[in-house]
Amino acid sequence: MTITVIPTRSEHTITFKVDKALLPYGKSIPFSEPGVSKFHPIAEALMAIEGVNSAWIMADEIMVTKETEIRWATVKPKVMETIRRVQATPVKGG
């Protein structure tokens, strides 16, 4: 899986563009509340990473915001590994 890292205007937010559709085009789901992330396997895995504050999944992109006191050097490799791992896992029942 190819993941392209795209900076945003905020130093605490990065967009991770993947080469596979995560949601239908035009749909998006923001995740920042505990319990809501269970509706998408990538969001659930990302929200479990220490330092991740929120995730927003859109078509083939995941916008991740980290906590202000955490450095991207700590969080970004974990986010990328998590995206790859979850995308490689077969969907239950599918």
PDB file of N, CA and C in Angstrom:
ATOM      1  N   MET A   1       0.847  -1.181   0.000  1.00  0.00           N
ATOM      2  CA  MET A   1       0.000   0.000   0.000  1.00  0.00           C
ATOM      3  C   MET A   1       0.890   1.242   0.000  1.00  0.00           C
ATOM      4  N   THR A   2       0.537   2.173  -0.849  1.00  0.00           N
ATOM      5  CA  THR A   2       1.255   3.441  -0.912  1.00  0.00           C
ATOM      6  C   THR A   2       0.529   4.456  -0.050  1.00  0.00           C
ATOM      7  N   ILE A   3       1.291   5.146   0.801  1.00  0.00           N
ATOM      8  CA  ILE A   3       0.734   6.216   1.637  1.00  0.00           C
ATOM      9  C   ILE A   3       1.525   7.484   1.350  1.00  0.00           C
ATOM     10  N   THR A   4       0.827   8.540   0.955  1.00  0.00           N
ATOM     11  CA  THR A   4       1.449   9.829   0.707  1.00  0.00           C
ATOM     12  C   THR A   4       1.100  10.748   1.862  1.00  0.00           C
ATOM     13  N   VAL A   5       2.130  11.367   2.440  1.00  0.00           N
ATOM     14  CA  VAL A   5       1.924  12.283   3.566  1.00  0.00           C
ATOM     15  C   VAL A   5       1.794  13.691   3.013  1.00  0.00           C
ATOM     16  N   ILE A   6       0.679  14.354   3.370  1.00  0.00           N
ATOM     17  CA  ILE A   6       0.396  15.699   2.875  1.00  0.00           C
ATOM     18  C   ILE A   6       0.259  16.638   4.071  1.00  0.00           C
ATOM     19  N   PRO A   7       1.160  17.626   4.190  1.00  0.00           N
ATOM     20  CA  PRO A   7       1.037  18.584   5.300  1.00  0.00           C
ATOM     21  C   PRO A   7      -0.235  19.418   5.162  1.00  0.00           C
ATOM     22  N   THR A   8      -0.706  19.955   6.267  1.00  0.00           N
ATOM     23  CA  THR A   8      -1.862  20.852   6.264  1.00  0.00           C
ATOM     24  C   THR A   8      -1.439  22.189   6.854  1.00  0.00           C
ATOM     25  N   ARG A   9      -2.357  23.110   6.971  1.00  0.00           N
ATOM     26  CA  ARG A   9      -2.059  24.421   7.559  1.00  0.00           C
ATOM     27  C   ARG A   9      -1.717  24.323   9.041  1.00  0.00           C
ATOM     28  N   SER A  10      -2.221  23.305   9.683  1.00  0.00           N
ATOM     29  CA  SER A  10      -1.964  23.123  11.111  1.00  0.00           C
ATOM     30  C   SER A  10      -0.745  22.234  11.309  1.00  0.00           C
ATOM     31  N   GLU A  11       0.147  22.641  12.173  1.00  0.00           N
ATOM     32  CA  GLU A  11       1.331  21.824  12.456  1.00  0.00           C
ATOM     33  C   GLU A  11       0.968  20.541  13.202  1.00  0.00           C
ATOM     34  N   HIS A  12      -0.242  20.448  13.697  1.00  0.00           N
ATOM     35  CA  HIS A  12      -0.665  19.282  14.467  1.00  0.00           C
ATOM     36  C   HIS A  12      -1.517  18.318  13.652  1.00  0.00           C
ATOM     37  N   THR A  13      -1.741  18.619  12.372  1.00  0.00           N
ATOM     38  CA  THR A  13      -2.591  17.785  11.520  1.00  0.00           C
ATOM     39  C   THR A  13      -1.851  17.424  10.237  1.00  0.00           C
ATOM     40  N   ILE A  14      -1.922  16.154   9.873  1.00  0.00           N
ATOM     41  CA  ILE A  14      -1.342  15.656   8.625  1.00  0.00           C
ATOM     42  C   ILE A  14      -2.411  14.814   7.924  1.00  0.00           C
ATOM     43  N   THR A  15      -2.426  14.894   6.586  1.00  0.00           N
ATOM     44  CA  THR A  15      -3.306  14.046   5.795  1.00  0.00           C
ATOM     45  C   THR A  15      -2.476  12.899   5.231  1.00  0.00           C
ATOM     46  N   PHE A  16      -3.002  11.682   5.371  1.00  0.00           N
ATOM     47  CA  PHE A  16      -2.372  10.483   4.838  1.00  0.00           C
ATOM     48  C   PHE A  16      -3.254   9.999   3.697  1.00  0.00           C
ATOM     49  N   LYS A  17      -2.750  10.126   2.454  1.00  0.00           N
ATOM     50  CA  LYS A  17      -3.508   9.712   1.267  1.00  0.00           C
ATOM     51  C   LYS A  17      -3.091   8.289   0.912  1.00  0.00           C
ATOM     52  N   VAL A  18      -4.070   7.422   0.739  1.00  0.00           N
ATOM     53  CA  VAL A  18      -3.794   6.019   0.422  1.00  0.00           C
ATOM     54  C   VAL A  18      -4.258   5.701  -1.000  1.00  0.00           C
ATOM     55  N   ASP A  19      -3.792   4.576  -1.516  1.00  0.00           N
ATOM     56  CA  ASP A  19      -4.129   4.215  -2.903  1.00  0.00           C
ATOM     57  C   ASP A  19      -5.328   3.268  -2.985  1.00  0.00           C
ATOM     58  N   LYS A  20      -6.217   3.364  -2.002  1.00  0.00           N
ATOM     59  CA  LYS A  20      -7.414   2.524  -1.974  1.00  0.00           C
ATOM     60  C   LYS A  20      -8.550   3.323  -1.346  1.00  0.00           C
ATOM     61  N   ALA A  21      -9.753   3.185  -1.881  1.00  0.00           N
ATOM     62  CA  ALA A  21     -10.900   3.888  -1.307  1.00  0.00           C
ATOM     63  C   ALA A  21     -11.231   3.322   0.074  1.00  0.00           C
ATOM     64  N   LEU A  22     -11.364   4.205   1.042  1.00  0.00           N
ATOM     65  CA  LEU A  22     -11.731   3.825   2.407  1.00  0.00           C
ATOM     66  C   LEU A  22     -13.224   4.023   2.631  1.00  0.00           C
ATOM     67  N   LEU A  23     -13.776   4.996   1.942  1.00  0.00           N
ATOM     68  CA  LEU A  23     -15.212   5.307   1.986  1.00  0.00           C
ATOM     69  C   LEU A  23     -15.645   5.683   0.580  1.00  0.00           C
ATOM     70  N   PRO A  24     -16.922   5.591   0.273  1.00  0.00           N
ATOM     71  CA  PRO A  24     -17.391   6.053  -1.037  1.00  0.00           C
ATOM     72  C   PRO A  24     -17.077   7.543  -1.235  1.00  0.00           C
ATOM     73  N   TYR A  25     -16.783   7.923  -2.478  1.00  0.00           N
ATOM     74  CA  TYR A  25     -16.493   9.320  -2.795  1.00  0.00           C
ATOM     75  C   TYR A  25     -17.639  10.217  -2.307  1.00  0.00           C
ATOM     76  N   GLY A  26     -17.285  11.324  -1.674  1.00  0.00           N
ATOM     77  CA  GLY A  26     -18.284  12.265  -1.179  1.00  0.00           C
ATOM     78  C   GLY A  26     -18.698  12.004   0.257  1.00  0.00           C
ATOM     79  N   LYS A  27     -18.297  10.871   0.810  1.00  0.00           N
ATOM     80  CA  LYS A  27     -18.617  10.544   2.210  1.00  0.00           C
ATOM     81  C   LYS A  27     -17.399  10.820   3.079  1.00  0.00           C
ATOM     82  N   SER A  28     -17.636  11.196   4.324  1.00  0.00           N
ATOM     83  CA  SER A  28     -16.544  11.374   5.275  1.00  0.00           C
ATOM     84  C   SER A  28     -17.071  11.107   6.680  1.00  0.00           C
ATOM     85  N   ILE A  29     -16.167  10.681   7.547  1.00  0.00           N
ATOM     86  CA  ILE A  29     -16.540  10.415   8.933  1.00  0.00           C
ATOM     87  C   ILE A  29     -15.465  10.981   9.845  1.00  0.00           C
ATOM     88  N   PRO A  30     -15.830  11.942  10.710  1.00  0.00           N
ATOM     89  CA  PRO A  30     -14.864  12.439  11.693  1.00  0.00           C
ATOM     90  C   PRO A  30     -14.929  11.589  12.963  1.00  0.00           C
ATOM     91  N   PHE A  31     -13.777  11.343  13.559  1.00  0.00           N
ATOM     92  CA  PHE A  31     -13.696  10.555  14.782  1.00  0.00           C
ATOM     93  C   PHE A  31     -12.888  11.312  15.822  1.00  0.00           C
ATOM     94  N   SER A  32     -13.518  11.693  16.900  1.00  0.00           N
ATOM     95  CA  SER A  32     -12.798  12.321  18.003  1.00  0.00           C
ATOM     96  C   SER A  32     -13.366  11.901  19.346  1.00  0.00           C
ATOM     97  N   GLU A  33     -14.487  11.220  19.316  1.00  0.00           N
ATOM     98  CA  GLU A  33     -15.131  10.775  20.552  1.00  0.00           C
ATOM     99  C   GLU A  33     -14.879   9.292  20.775  1.00  0.00           C
ATOM    100  N   PRO A  34     -14.556   8.903  22.010  1.00  0.00           N
ATOM    101  CA  PRO A  34     -14.409   7.475  22.285  1.00  0.00           C
ATOM    102  C   PRO A  34     -15.719   6.749  21.965  1.00  0.00           C
ATOM    103  N   GLY A  35     -15.616   5.585  21.386  1.00  0.00           N
ATOM    104  CA  GLY A  35     -16.807   4.813  21.053  1.00  0.00           C
ATOM    105  C   GLY A  35     -17.268   5.016  19.628  1.00  0.00           C
ATOM    106  N   VAL A  36     -17.124   6.222  19.084  1.00  0.00           N
ATOM    107  CA  VAL A  36     -17.548   6.489  17.706  1.00  0.00           C
ATOM    108  C   VAL A  36     -16.585   5.810  16.734  1.00  0.00           C
ATOM    109  N   SER A  37     -15.315   5.710  17.118  1.00  0.00           N
ATOM    110  CA  SER A  37     -14.312   5.142  16.220  1.00  0.00           C
ATOM    111  C   SER A  37     -14.585   3.681  15.877  1.00  0.00           C
ATOM    112  N   LYS A  38     -15.431   3.008  16.643  1.00  0.00           N
ATOM    113  CA  LYS A  38     -15.729   1.597  16.362  1.00  0.00           C
ATOM    114  C   LYS A  38     -16.463   1.410  15.034  1.00  0.00           C
ATOM    115  N   PHE A  39     -16.953   2.492  14.434  1.00  0.00           N
ATOM    116  CA  PHE A  39     -17.675   2.393  13.180  1.00  0.00           C
ATOM    117  C   PHE A  39     -16.770   2.229  11.958  1.00  0.00           C
ATOM    118  N   HIS A  40     -15.454   2.358  12.138  1.00  0.00           N
ATOM    119  CA  HIS A  40     -14.519   2.125  11.036  1.00  0.00           C
ATOM    120  C   HIS A  40     -13.247   1.544  11.625  1.00  0.00           C
ATOM    121  N   PRO A  41     -12.756   0.404  11.087  1.00  0.00           N
ATOM    122  CA  PRO A  41     -11.601  -0.261  11.690  1.00  0.00           C
ATOM    123  C   PRO A  41     -10.333   0.590  11.728  1.00  0.00           C
ATOM    124  N   ILE A  42     -10.097   1.416  10.709  1.00  0.00           N
ATOM    125  CA  ILE A  42      -8.901   2.268  10.737  1.00  0.00           C
ATOM    126  C   ILE A  42      -9.024   3.315  11.831  1.00  0.00           C
ATOM    127  N   ALA A  43     -10.187   3.928  11.966  1.00  0.00           N
ATOM    128  CA  ALA A  43     -10.374   4.942  13.012  1.00  0.00           C
ATOM    129  C   ALA A  43     -10.173   4.333  14.391  1.00  0.00           C
ATOM    130  N   GLU A  44     -10.717   3.153  14.592  1.00  0.00           N
ATOM    131  CA  GLU A  44     -10.581   2.493  15.893  1.00  0.00           C
ATOM    132  C   GLU A  44      -9.103   2.239  16.212  1.00  0.00           C
ATOM    133  N   ALA A  45      -8.351   1.773  15.232  1.00  0.00           N
ATOM    134  CA  ALA A  45      -6.925   1.509  15.440  1.00  0.00           C
ATOM    135  C   ALA A  45      -6.135   2.796  15.635  1.00  0.00           C
ATOM    136  N   LEU A  46      -6.457   3.839  14.869  1.00  0.00           N
ATOM    137  CA  LEU A  46      -5.729   5.110  15.002  1.00  0.00           C
ATOM    138  C   LEU A  46      -5.993   5.768  16.351  1.00  0.00           C
ATOM    139  N   MET A  47      -7.245   5.731  16.797  1.00  0.00           N
ATOM    140  CA  MET A  47      -7.582   6.373  18.070  1.00  0.00           C
ATOM    141  C   MET A  47      -6.942   5.651  19.255  1.00  0.00           C
ATOM    142  N   ALA A  48      -6.472   4.431  19.038  1.00  0.00           N
ATOM    143  CA  ALA A  48      -5.787   3.682  20.099  1.00  0.00           C
ATOM    144  C   ALA A  48      -4.309   4.063  20.216  1.00  0.00           C
ATOM    145  N   ILE A  49      -3.794   4.827  19.247  1.00  0.00           N
ATOM    146  CA  ILE A  49      -2.391   5.245  19.278  1.00  0.00           C
ATOM    147  C   ILE A  49      -2.238   6.410  20.248  1.00  0.00           C
ATOM    148  N   GLU A  50      -1.296   6.276  21.166  1.00  0.00           N
ATOM    149  CA  GLU A  50      -1.042   7.360  22.114  1.00  0.00           C
ATOM    150  C   GLU A  50      -0.573   8.594  21.355  1.00  0.00           C
ATOM    151  N   GLY A  51      -1.223   9.718  21.600  1.00  0.00           N
ATOM    152  CA  GLY A  51      -0.875  10.971  20.946  1.00  0.00           C
ATOM    153  C   GLY A  51      -1.826  11.372  19.840  1.00  0.00           C
ATOM    154  N   VAL A  52      -2.638  10.433  19.339  1.00  0.00           N
ATOM    155  CA  VAL A  52      -3.620  10.779  18.305  1.00  0.00           C
ATOM    156  C   VAL A  52      -4.854  11.355  18.988  1.00  0.00           C
ATOM    157  N   ASN A  53      -5.232  12.545  18.553  1.00  0.00           N
ATOM    158  CA  ASN A  53      -6.354  13.259  19.138  1.00  0.00           C
ATOM    159  C   ASN A  53      -7.650  13.034  18.358  1.00  0.00           C
ATOM    160  N   SER A  54      -7.546  12.971  17.020  1.00  0.00           N
ATOM    161  CA  SER A  54      -8.726  12.749  16.192  1.00  0.00           C
ATOM    162  C   SER A  54      -8.302  12.257  14.813  1.00  0.00           C
ATOM    163  N   ALA A  55      -9.254  11.685  14.092  1.00  0.00           N
ATOM    164  CA  ALA A  55      -9.037  11.227  12.723  1.00  0.00           C
ATOM    165  C   ALA A  55     -10.287  11.544  11.914  1.00  0.00           C
ATOM    166  N   TRP A  56     -10.091  11.876  10.669  1.00  0.00           N
ATOM    167  CA  TRP A  56     -11.206  12.171   9.774  1.00  0.00           C
ATOM    168  C   TRP A  56     -10.959  11.400   8.489  1.00  0.00           C
ATOM    169  N   ILE A  57     -11.802  10.420   8.218  1.00  0.00           N
ATOM    170  CA  ILE A  57     -11.639   9.577   7.045  1.00  0.00           C
ATOM    171  C   ILE A  57     -12.525  10.100   5.925  1.00  0.00           C
ATOM    172  N   MET A  58     -11.906  10.297   4.743  1.00  0.00           N
ATOM    173  CA  MET A  58     -12.599  10.788   3.559  1.00  0.00           C
ATOM    174  C   MET A  58     -12.118   9.972   2.370  1.00  0.00           C
ATOM    175  N   ALA A  59     -12.988   9.395   1.613  1.00  0.00           N
ATOM    176  CA  ALA A  59     -12.673   8.641   0.385  1.00  0.00           C
ATOM    177  C   ALA A  59     -11.345   7.889   0.505  1.00  0.00           C
ATOM    178  N   ASP A  60     -10.241   8.495   0.038  1.00  0.00           N
ATOM    179  CA  ASP A  60      -8.934   7.832   0.071  1.00  0.00           C
ATOM    180  C   ASP A  60      -7.923   8.600   0.921  1.00  0.00           C
ATOM    181  N   GLU A  61      -8.417   9.365   1.885  1.00  0.00           N
ATOM    182  CA  GLU A  61      -7.543  10.157   2.758  1.00  0.00           C
ATOM    183  C   GLU A  61      -7.951  10.003   4.220  1.00  0.00           C
ATOM    184  N   ILE A  62      -6.941  10.114   5.073  1.00  0.00           N
ATOM    185  CA  ILE A  62      -7.192  10.107   6.512  1.00  0.00           C
ATOM    186  C   ILE A  62      -6.459  11.316   7.092  1.00  0.00           C
ATOM    187  N   MET A  63      -7.212  12.247   7.633  1.00  0.00           N
ATOM    188  CA  MET A  63      -6.622  13.419   8.273  1.00  0.00           C
ATOM    189  C   MET A  63      -6.492  13.102   9.760  1.00  0.00           C
ATOM    190  N   VAL A  64      -5.263  13.154  10.254  1.00  0.00           N
ATOM    191  CA  VAL A  64      -4.994  12.807  11.646  1.00  0.00           C
ATOM    192  C   VAL A  64      -4.467  14.040  12.374  1.00  0.00           C
ATOM    193  N   THR A  65      -5.044  14.312  13.538  1.00  0.00           N
ATOM    194  CA  THR A  65      -4.577  15.404  14.390  1.00  0.00           C
ATOM    195  C   THR A  65      -3.991  14.790  15.650  1.00  0.00           C
ATOM    196  N   LYS A  66      -2.788  15.248  15.986  1.00  0.00           N
ATOM    197  CA  LYS A  66      -2.107  14.745  17.171  1.00  0.00           C
ATOM    198  C   LYS A  66      -2.271  15.728  18.324  1.00  0.00           C
ATOM    199  N   GLU A  67      -1.985  15.263  19.525  1.00  0.00           N
ATOM    200  CA  GLU A  67      -1.995  16.137  20.689  1.00  0.00           C
ATOM    201  C   GLU A  67      -0.826  17.110  20.567  1.00  0.00           C
ATOM    202  N   THR A  68      -1.008  18.335  21.027  1.00  0.00           N
ATOM    203  CA  THR A  68      -0.017  19.385  20.813  1.00  0.00           C
ATOM    204  C   THR A  68       1.338  19.091  21.450  1.00  0.00           C
ATOM    205  N   GLU A  69       1.364  18.371  22.563  1.00  0.00           N
ATOM    206  CA  GLU A  69       2.636  18.126  23.244  1.00  0.00           C
ATOM    207  C   GLU A  69       3.412  16.929  22.679  1.00  0.00           C
ATOM    208  N   ILE A  70       2.838  16.214  21.725  1.00  0.00           N
ATOM    209  CA  ILE A  70       3.475  15.048  21.115  1.00  0.00           C
ATOM    210  C   ILE A  70       4.100  15.462  19.782  1.00  0.00           C
ATOM    211  N   ARG A  71       5.277  14.912  19.474  1.00  0.00           N
ATOM    212  CA  ARG A  71       5.962  15.223  18.215  1.00  0.00           C
ATOM    213  C   ARG A  71       5.517  14.264  17.119  1.00  0.00           C
ATOM    214  N   TRP A  72       5.455  14.762  15.878  1.00  0.00           N
ATOM    215  CA  TRP A  72       5.089  13.909  14.740  1.00  0.00           C
ATOM    216  C   TRP A  72       6.094  12.779  14.568  1.00  0.00           C
ATOM    217  N   ALA A  73       7.349  13.008  14.919  1.00  0.00           N
ATOM    218  CA  ALA A  73       8.354  11.957  14.787  1.00  0.00           C
ATOM    219  C   ALA A  73       7.985  10.728  15.611  1.00  0.00           C
ATOM    220  N   THR A  74       7.224  10.923  16.667  1.00  0.00           N
ATOM    221  CA  THR A  74       6.775   9.830  17.512  1.00  0.00           C
ATOM    222  C   THR A  74       5.511   9.178  16.953  1.00  0.00           C
ATOM    223  N   VAL A  75       4.592   9.983  16.457  1.00  0.00           N
ATOM    224  CA  VAL A  75       3.267   9.503  16.062  1.00  0.00           C
ATOM    225  C   VAL A  75       3.187   9.033  14.606  1.00  0.00           C
ATOM    226  N   LYS A  76       3.804   9.755  13.692  1.00  0.00           N
ATOM    227  CA  LYS A  76       3.635   9.476  12.255  1.00  0.00           C
ATOM    228  C   LYS A  76       3.999   8.038  11.862  1.00  0.00           C
ATOM    229  N   PRO A  77       5.136   7.475  12.307  1.00  0.00           N
ATOM    230  CA  PRO A  77       5.422   6.084  11.928  1.00  0.00           C
ATOM    231  C   PRO A  77       4.372   5.101  12.442  1.00  0.00           C
ATOM    232  N   LYS A  78       3.836   5.347  13.629  1.00  0.00           N
ATOM    233  CA  LYS A  78       2.803   4.479  14.190  1.00  0.00           C
ATOM    234  C   LYS A  78       1.519   4.586  13.377  1.00  0.00           C
ATOM    235  N   VAL A  79       1.181   5.797  12.943  1.00  0.00           N
ATOM    236  CA  VAL A  79      -0.027   5.998  12.127  1.00  0.00           C
ATOM    237  C   VAL A  79       0.113   5.253  10.799  1.00  0.00           C
ATOM    238  N   MET A  80       1.262   5.406  10.145  1.00  0.00           N
ATOM    239  CA  MET A  80       1.462   4.760   8.846  1.00  0.00           C
ATOM    240  C   MET A  80       1.453   3.236   8.977  1.00  0.00           C
ATOM    241  N   GLU A  81       2.092   2.710   9.999  1.00  0.00           N
ATOM    242  CA  GLU A  81       2.113   1.263  10.224  1.00  0.00           C
ATOM    243  C   GLU A  81       0.706   0.748  10.507  1.00  0.00           C
ATOM    244  N   THR A  82      -0.062   1.510  11.272  1.00  0.00           N
ATOM    245  CA  THR A  82      -1.431   1.120  11.616  1.00  0.00           C
ATOM    246  C   THR A  82      -2.323   1.102  10.382  1.00  0.00           C
ATOM    247  N   ILE A  83      -2.213   2.109   9.546  1.00  0.00           N
ATOM    248  CA  ILE A  83      -3.008   2.148   8.307  1.00  0.00           C
ATOM    249  C   ILE A  83      -2.689   0.926   7.452  1.00  0.00           C
ATOM    250  N   ARG A  84      -1.399   0.632   7.268  1.00  0.00           N
ATOM    251  CA  ARG A  84      -1.000  -0.531   6.459  1.00  0.00           C
ATOM    252  C   ARG A  84      -1.517  -1.837   7.064  1.00  0.00           C
ATOM    253  N   ARG A  85      -1.363  -1.983   8.375  1.00  0.00           N
ATOM    254  CA  ARG A  85      -1.778  -3.215   9.054  1.00  0.00           C
ATOM    255  C   ARG A  85      -3.288  -3.429   8.929  1.00  0.00           C
ATOM    256  N   VAL A  86      -4.072  -2.387   9.195  1.00  0.00           N
ATOM    257  CA  VAL A  86      -5.536  -2.528   9.148  1.00  0.00           C
ATOM    258  C   VAL A  86      -6.003  -2.771   7.716  1.00  0.00           C
ATOM    259  N   GLN A  87      -5.406  -2.106   6.754  1.00  0.00           N
ATOM    260  CA  GLN A  87      -5.810  -2.304   5.358  1.00  0.00           C
ATOM    261  C   GLN A  87      -5.472  -3.713   4.872  1.00  0.00           C
ATOM    262  N   ALA A  88      -4.459  -4.338   5.458  1.00  0.00           N
ATOM    263  CA  ALA A  88      -4.056  -5.683   5.053  1.00  0.00           C
ATOM    264  C   ALA A  88      -4.912  -6.762   5.718  1.00  0.00           C
ATOM    265  N   THR A  89      -5.680  -6.382   6.736  1.00  0.00           N
ATOM    266  CA  THR A  89      -6.512  -7.335   7.475  1.00  0.00           C
ATOM    267  C   THR A  89      -7.830  -7.554   6.727  1.00  0.00           C
ATOM    268  N   PRO A  90      -8.181  -8.809   6.454  1.00  0.00           N
ATOM    269  CA  PRO A  90      -9.446  -9.068   5.770  1.00  0.00           C
ATOM    270  C   PRO A  90     -10.634  -8.583   6.608  1.00  0.00           C
ATOM    271  N   VAL A  91     -11.660  -8.093   5.925  1.00  0.00           N
ATOM    272  CA  VAL A  91     -12.875  -7.619   6.604  1.00  0.00           C
ATOM    273  C   VAL A  91     -13.664  -8.826   7.090  1.00  0.00           C
ATOM    274  N   LYS A  92     -14.144  -8.769   8.320  1.00  0.00           N
ATOM    275  CA  LYS A  92     -14.931  -9.869   8.876  1.00  0.00           C
ATOM    276  C   LYS A  92     -16.243  -9.997   8.098  1.00  0.00           C
ATOM    277  N   GLY A  93     -16.549 -11.220   7.731  1.00  0.00           N
ATOM    278  CA  GLY A  93     -17.796 -11.479   7.022  1.00  0.00           C
ATOM    279  C   GLY A  93     -17.725 -11.151   5.558  1.00  0.00           C
ATOM    280  N   GLY A  94     -16.571 -10.646   5.085  1.00  0.00           N
ATOM    281  CA  GLY A  94     -16.496 -10.277   3.679  1.00  0.00           C
ATOM    282  C   GLY A  94     -15.527 -11.083   2.997  1.00  0.00           C
TER     283      GLY A  94
END
